[in-house]
């Protein structure tokens, strides 16, 4: 039995024990925020901005950048953010006594630019973490040696992969509860990236799918099984496998606890892990 099979068997064994709580493996300081107001973006805005290919957490409108003495570089493209506001509904006639008759939503959108796209504005000094990070050589080598890997950016409070930009966003390494959990999270996003059309062309990545859909959920299984297999290769699975099993369990619930899908996803994850390891994996090592 090779390491892939051992990891898959162990995850299935943990799943059979019952409900396991998943724990977010990093401490969120802050995610994307407006440089002027310092207010963080929320909801879909947080997701969209976190998955952009920029390293800075700070964003401004074109006017805000100009008022602060900055200049958006020629050719840079903006990112749209949405803003909801509830307004009092106006009475339809004077007979309504000019009183509001409820609330109506107003949707606006703004175009913003990342601080990395702007010249002439100095980034604020970020707080230094008191949680030193100690690299794990074999796990670090997996990331370093992957051929044709996506761009990796650090910062913010979310981990995600954007197929549009072929870019991975990860919180800073010092934000993670342990080096092992950092590598497990990085491996998860690298596994997602293997689904890009320029790599393995997996359906869950190349075709649009909404959060919680069957394809989306199965892609999450593939990525987490792939991460666990890579952790096994790097000999750090003992510190991460229970949290990985809890994550997988959560998505299996969305898929109505179909354990067969877990095995199918594990098969796809093997191809993903092999790709990341440049197909140089040797059975039993």
Protein backbone atom coordinates (compact mmCIF):
# COMPACT_ATOMS: atom_id res chain seq x y z
CA UNK A 1 0.00 0.00 0.00
CA UNK A 2 1.53 3.35 -1.06
CA UNK A 3 1.30 6.59 0.90
CA UNK A 4 -1.72 7.78 -1.13
CA UNK A 5 -3.66 4.63 -0.26
CA UNK A 6 -2.61 4.80 3.39
CA UNK A 7 -3.77 8.41 3.71
CA UNK A 8 -7.10 7.70 1.98
CA UNK A 9 -7.72 4.67 4.21
CA UNK A 10 -6.94 6.69 7.33
CA UNK A 11 -9.29 9.51 6.31
CA UNK A 12 -12.13 7.04 5.65
CA UNK A 13 -11.44 5.46 9.04
CA UNK A 14 -11.70 8.83 10.79
CA UNK A 15 -14.90 9.66 8.89
CA UNK A 16 -16.49 6.47 10.22
CA UNK A 17 -15.89 7.54 13.85
CA UNK A 18 -18.57 10.25 13.74
CA UNK A 19 -18.71 14.03 13.67
CA UNK A 20 -15.40 15.90 13.93
CA UNK A 21 -15.25 19.69 14.34
CA UNK A 22 -13.25 21.51 11.66
CA UNK A 23 -10.91 24.23 12.93
CA UNK A 24 -9.72 27.10 10.77
CA UNK A 25 -5.93 26.66 10.78
CA UNK A 26 -5.00 30.34 10.73
CA UNK A 27 -5.72 33.43 12.79
CA UNK A 28 -7.36 36.17 10.74
CA UNK A 29 -5.94 39.61 11.40
CA UNK A 30 -7.76 41.38 8.62
CA UNK A 31 -8.65 40.89 5.01
CA UNK A 32 -9.09 43.41 2.17
CA UNK A 33 -10.00 46.89 3.33
CA UNK A 34 -10.35 50.41 2.01
CA UNK A 35 -7.16 52.37 2.59
CA UNK A 36 -9.00 55.62 3.41
CA UNK A 37 -11.86 54.43 5.64
CA UNK A 38 -9.89 51.42 6.99
CA UNK A 39 -13.19 49.51 6.89
CA UNK A 40 -12.92 45.85 5.78
CA UNK A 41 -14.88 44.65 2.77
CA UNK A 42 -17.50 42.06 3.63
CA UNK A 43 -19.45 39.26 1.97
CA UNK A 44 -18.88 38.68 -1.73
CA UNK A 45 -16.56 41.72 -1.88
CA UNK A 46 -14.18 40.07 0.58
CA UNK A 47 -14.09 36.90 -1.52
CA UNK A 48 -13.59 38.71 -4.84
CA UNK A 49 -10.83 40.96 -3.55
CA UNK A 50 -9.06 38.19 -1.66
CA UNK A 51 -8.85 36.14 -4.84
CA UNK A 52 -7.34 38.93 -6.91
CA UNK A 53 -3.68 38.56 -7.97
CA UNK A 54 -2.38 41.35 -5.70
CA UNK A 55 -0.45 41.21 -2.46
CA UNK A 56 -1.68 44.34 -0.69
CA UNK A 57 -4.86 44.22 1.43
CA UNK A 58 -5.57 47.89 0.65
CA UNK A 59 -7.95 49.17 -2.04
CA UNK A 60 -9.00 52.64 -3.27
CA UNK A 61 -11.27 54.15 -5.88
CA UNK A 62 -9.58 56.13 -8.65
CA UNK A 63 -10.68 59.37 -6.99
CA UNK A 64 -9.42 58.30 -3.57
CA UNK A 65 -6.03 57.46 -5.06
CA UNK A 66 -5.82 60.84 -6.80
CA UNK A 67 -6.85 62.75 -3.66
CA UNK A 68 -4.10 60.97 -1.73
CA UNK A 69 -1.51 61.95 -4.33
CA UNK A 70 -1.34 58.61 -6.10
CA UNK A 71 -1.69 57.63 -9.73
CA UNK A 72 -3.18 54.40 -11.06
CA UNK A 73 -0.67 52.98 -13.52
CA UNK A 74 -1.62 53.06 -17.19
CA UNK A 75 -3.31 49.87 -18.36
CA UNK A 76 -4.32 48.66 -14.89
CA UNK A 77 -7.83 47.21 -14.66
CA UNK A 78 -10.21 47.95 -11.80
CA UNK A 79 -12.16 45.44 -9.71
CA UNK A 80 -15.86 46.00 -9.04
CA UNK A 81 -17.26 45.91 -5.50
CA UNK A 82 -20.94 46.12 -4.62
CA UNK A 83 -22.60 48.17 -1.92
CA UNK A 84 -26.08 47.61 -0.48
CA UNK A 85 -28.02 50.33 1.31
CA UNK A 86 -31.58 50.23 2.65
CA UNK A 87 -33.66 53.33 2.00
CA UNK A 88 -37.02 54.34 3.40
CA UNK A 89 -39.75 53.67 0.90
CA UNK A 90 -41.53 56.92 0.02
CA UNK A 91 -45.34 57.09 0.27
CA UNK A 92 -47.12 56.84 -3.07
CA UNK A 93 -49.51 59.73 -2.35
CA UNK A 94 -50.08 62.62 0.04
CA UNK A 95 -52.82 60.59 1.68
CA UNK A 96 -50.13 58.41 3.22
CA UNK A 97 -49.28 61.31 5.54
CA UNK A 98 -45.73 61.55 4.13
CA UNK A 99 -44.64 58.66 6.32
CA UNK A 100 -42.26 55.97 5.15
CA UNK A 101 -43.98 52.72 4.26
CA UNK A 102 -41.07 50.32 4.58
CA UNK A 103 -37.54 49.76 3.26
CA UNK A 104 -36.27 49.27 -0.28
CA UNK A 105 -32.77 48.07 -1.22
CA UNK A 106 -30.40 50.25 -3.24
CA UNK A 107 -27.53 48.48 -4.97
CA UNK A 108 -24.49 50.43 -6.10
CA UNK A 109 -21.13 49.33 -7.36
CA UNK A 110 -17.73 50.95 -7.28
CA UNK A 111 -14.53 50.28 -9.21
CA UNK A 112 -11.50 49.95 -6.97
CA UNK A 113 -7.78 49.47 -7.50
CA UNK A 114 -5.33 47.59 -5.32
CA UNK A 115 -2.49 49.58 -3.79
CA UNK A 116 -0.10 47.42 -5.85
CA UNK A 117 -1.62 49.02 -8.98
CA UNK A 118 -0.97 52.58 -7.78
CA UNK A 119 2.19 54.69 -7.75
CA UNK A 120 2.88 57.45 -5.25
CA UNK A 121 1.20 56.06 -2.12
CA UNK A 122 3.19 54.36 0.64
CA UNK A 123 1.60 51.31 2.22
CA UNK A 124 0.85 51.56 5.97
CA UNK A 125 3.23 49.70 8.26
CA UNK A 126 1.62 46.39 9.15
CA UNK A 127 1.73 44.92 12.64
CA UNK A 128 4.46 42.35 13.06
CA UNK A 129 3.41 38.84 14.05
CA UNK A 130 4.81 37.37 17.27
CA UNK A 131 4.31 33.85 15.91
CA UNK A 132 7.60 32.90 14.19
CA UNK A 133 7.36 30.44 11.31
CA UNK A 134 9.75 27.49 10.99
CA UNK A 135 9.80 26.01 7.47
CA UNK A 136 9.58 22.23 7.07
CA UNK A 137 12.16 21.33 4.45
CA UNK A 138 10.41 18.45 2.67
CA UNK A 139 7.06 20.27 2.59
CA UNK A 140 8.70 23.47 1.37
CA UNK A 141 10.39 21.51 -1.40
CA UNK A 142 7.02 20.30 -2.67
CA UNK A 143 5.96 23.91 -3.29
CA UNK A 144 9.34 24.98 -4.67
CA UNK A 145 9.70 22.06 -7.08
CA UNK A 146 6.21 22.15 -8.62
CA UNK A 147 6.59 22.94 -12.30
CA UNK A 148 4.21 25.38 -14.00
CA UNK A 149 2.81 26.45 -10.65
CA UNK A 150 0.41 29.39 -10.23
CA UNK A 151 1.31 32.75 -8.75
CA UNK A 152 1.22 32.66 -4.93
CA UNK A 153 0.41 35.83 -2.96
CA UNK A 154 0.49 36.19 0.84
CA UNK A 155 -1.68 38.46 2.96
CA UNK A 156 -5.29 38.90 4.01
CA UNK A 157 -7.53 36.60 5.99
CA UNK A 158 -8.61 33.97 3.45
CA UNK A 159 -7.10 31.14 1.46
CA UNK A 160 -8.38 30.68 -2.09
CA UNK A 161 -7.45 29.88 -5.68
CA UNK A 162 -8.64 32.02 -8.59
CA UNK A 163 -8.80 30.14 -11.93
CA UNK A 164 -9.36 33.47 -13.72
CA UNK A 165 -6.00 34.86 -12.57
CA UNK A 166 -4.38 31.45 -11.97
CA UNK A 167 -3.38 32.84 -8.58
CA UNK A 168 -3.36 31.47 -5.04
CA UNK A 169 -3.94 33.78 -2.07
CA UNK A 170 -2.82 32.62 1.38
CA UNK A 171 -2.68 34.34 4.76
CA UNK A 172 0.86 35.09 5.88
CA UNK A 173 2.73 32.05 7.09
CA UNK A 174 3.02 33.49 10.60
CA UNK A 175 -0.80 33.57 10.84
CA UNK A 176 -1.11 29.78 10.92
CA UNK A 177 -1.46 27.79 14.10
CA UNK A 178 1.45 25.56 13.04
CA UNK A 179 3.79 25.13 10.05
CA UNK A 180 2.07 21.84 9.27
CA UNK A 181 -1.30 23.56 8.93
CA UNK A 182 0.22 26.19 6.65
CA UNK A 183 1.55 23.53 4.29
CA UNK A 184 -1.73 21.60 4.40
CA UNK A 185 -3.61 24.76 3.38
CA UNK A 186 -1.07 25.63 0.68
CA UNK A 187 -1.27 22.07 -0.68
CA UNK A 188 -5.09 22.36 -0.79
CA UNK A 189 -4.91 25.46 -2.98
CA UNK A 190 -2.15 23.96 -5.14
CA UNK A 191 -4.39 20.92 -5.66
CA UNK A 192 -7.18 23.24 -6.84
CA UNK A 193 -4.75 24.87 -9.28
CA UNK A 194 -4.03 21.54 -10.99
CA UNK A 195 -7.60 21.68 -12.32
CA UNK A 196 -6.72 24.72 -14.45
CA UNK A 197 -7.15 24.25 -18.21
CA UNK A 198 -3.38 24.56 -18.66
CA UNK A 199 -2.77 21.62 -16.30
CA UNK A 200 -5.20 18.73 -15.75
CA UNK A 201 -8.34 20.56 -16.91
CA UNK A 202 -10.67 19.35 -14.15
CA UNK A 203 -14.39 20.06 -14.52
CA UNK A 204 -14.75 21.54 -11.04
CA UNK A 205 -12.28 24.30 -11.98
CA UNK A 206 -12.73 24.97 -15.69
CA UNK A 207 -16.56 25.05 -15.64
CA UNK A 208 -18.43 27.69 -13.61
CA UNK A 209 -20.12 26.28 -10.51
CA UNK A 210 -21.81 27.90 -7.56
CA UNK A 211 -20.88 27.48 -3.91
CA UNK A 212 -22.38 24.28 -2.51
CA UNK A 213 -23.20 22.74 -5.90
CA UNK A 214 -22.31 19.12 -6.64
CA UNK A 215 -19.30 20.02 -8.81
CA UNK A 216 -18.06 22.65 -6.34
CA UNK A 217 -18.39 20.23 -3.42
CA UNK A 218 -16.60 17.41 -5.21
CA UNK A 219 -13.78 19.76 -6.20
CA UNK A 220 -13.33 20.58 -2.51
CA UNK A 221 -13.03 16.87 -1.77
CA UNK A 222 -10.40 16.50 -4.51
CA UNK A 223 -8.37 19.41 -3.16
CA UNK A 224 -8.46 18.23 0.46
CA UNK A 225 -7.63 14.62 -0.40
CA UNK A 226 -4.79 15.95 -2.56
CA UNK A 227 -3.54 18.10 0.30
CA UNK A 228 -3.61 15.12 2.66
CA UNK A 229 -1.68 12.98 0.20
CA UNK A 230 0.97 15.67 -0.15
CA UNK A 231 1.14 15.97 3.64
CA UNK A 232 1.74 12.23 3.70
CA UNK A 233 4.51 12.60 1.15
CA UNK A 234 6.07 15.32 3.33
CA UNK A 235 5.60 13.18 6.48
CA UNK A 236 3.40 15.75 8.27
CA UNK A 237 0.02 14.00 7.87
CA UNK A 238 -0.16 13.00 11.53
CA UNK A 239 -0.50 16.67 12.55
CA UNK A 240 -3.09 17.57 9.90
CA UNK A 241 -5.13 14.52 8.95
CA UNK A 242 -7.89 14.88 11.54
CA UNK A 243 -8.66 18.46 10.50
CA UNK A 244 -8.58 17.37 6.85
CA UNK A 245 -11.03 14.57 7.59
CA UNK A 246 -13.32 17.07 9.34
CA UNK A 247 -13.21 19.34 6.29
CA UNK A 248 -13.99 16.43 3.97
CA UNK A 249 -16.81 15.35 6.26
CA UNK A 250 -18.39 18.80 5.97
CA UNK A 251 -18.50 18.61 2.17
CA UNK A 252 -19.71 15.02 2.21
CA UNK A 253 -22.74 16.24 4.15
CA UNK A 254 -23.50 18.60 1.27
CA UNK A 255 -23.22 15.57 -1.03
CA UNK A 256 -25.68 13.63 1.17
CA UNK A 257 -22.91 11.57 2.78
CA UNK A 258 -22.16 9.65 -0.41
CA UNK A 259 -18.95 7.89 0.59
CA UNK A 260 -18.49 6.64 -2.97
CA UNK A 261 -17.85 10.22 -4.05
CA UNK A 262 -15.01 10.38 -1.54
CA UNK A 263 -13.31 7.46 -3.28
CA UNK A 264 -13.86 9.04 -6.72
CA UNK A 265 -12.41 12.32 -5.43
CA UNK A 266 -9.44 10.47 -3.94
CA UNK A 267 -8.69 9.02 -7.38
CA UNK A 268 -8.67 12.49 -8.93
CA UNK A 269 -6.58 13.75 -6.03
CA UNK A 270 -3.90 11.18 -6.82
CA UNK A 271 -3.53 12.68 -10.29
CA UNK A 272 -3.38 16.13 -8.72
CA UNK A 273 -0.69 15.13 -6.22
CA UNK A 274 1.33 13.42 -8.94
CA UNK A 275 1.19 16.58 -11.04
CA UNK A 276 2.40 18.75 -8.14
CA UNK A 277 5.21 16.27 -7.47
CA UNK A 278 6.11 16.33 -11.18
CA UNK A 279 5.01 12.68 -11.44
CA UNK A 280 8.17 11.58 -9.69
CA UNK A 281 6.40 9.92 -6.77
CA UNK A 282 7.87 6.52 -5.96
CA UNK A 283 5.59 3.93 -4.40
CA UNK A 284 6.24 3.48 -0.69
CA UNK A 285 8.37 6.62 -0.24
